[in-house]
Amino acid sequence: MYADPHNRLTGILLTQTGMSTPDSALLINDFWTTLYQAIDD
């Protein structure tokens, strides 16, 4: 979960892997990148 009060944005990413795999950090990064790209459009 992450909140960005400046952009009035709250994001929640639910997964079944947690941080147990090396790809988890990439997934979290991709999630936030996609989220911020959506509000820039």
Protein backbone atom coordinates (compact mmCIF):
# COMPACT_ATOMS: atom_id res chain seq x y z
CA MET A 1 0.00 0.00 0.00
CA TYR A 2 1.23 3.47 -0.80
CA ALA A 3 -0.33 6.92 -0.59
CA ASP A 4 0.74 10.04 -2.47
CA PRO A 5 -1.13 12.98 -0.93
CA HIS A 6 0.33 15.46 -3.43
CA ASN A 7 -1.39 13.66 -6.34
CA ARG A 8 -4.35 12.57 -4.19
CA LEU A 9 -3.49 8.96 -5.01
CA THR A 10 -3.65 5.73 -3.07
CA GLY A 11 -2.47 2.45 -4.56
CA ILE A 12 -2.87 -1.06 -3.27
CA LEU A 13 -1.17 -3.99 -4.95
CA LEU A 14 -2.33 -7.44 -3.89
CA THR A 15 -0.27 -10.45 -4.95
CA GLN A 16 0.08 -14.05 -3.89
CA THR A 17 3.87 -14.03 -4.06
CA GLY A 18 4.82 -11.18 -1.73
CA MET A 19 8.55 -10.55 -1.82
CA SER A 20 9.39 -14.25 -2.11
CA THR A 21 10.56 -14.12 -5.73
CA PRO A 22 13.10 -11.91 -7.51
CA ASP A 23 10.36 -10.72 -9.88
CA SER A 24 8.32 -9.26 -7.04
CA ALA A 25 10.32 -6.02 -6.89
CA LEU A 26 9.97 -5.65 -10.67
CA LEU A 27 6.22 -6.19 -10.40
CA ILE A 28 5.90 -3.50 -7.75
CA ASN A 29 7.99 -1.08 -9.82
CA ASP A 30 5.90 -1.78 -12.93
CA PHE A 31 2.71 -1.24 -10.93
CA TRP A 32 3.76 2.23 -9.77
CA THR A 33 5.15 3.19 -13.16
CA THR A 34 1.86 2.24 -14.83
CA LEU A 35 -0.16 4.03 -12.16
CA TYR A 36 1.72 7.31 -12.53
CA GLN A 37 1.60 7.05 -16.33
CA ALA A 38 -2.18 6.71 -16.12
CA ILE A 39 -2.54 9.97 -14.22
CA ASP A 40 -0.19 11.79 -16.62
CA ASP A 41 -2.42 10.98 -19.63
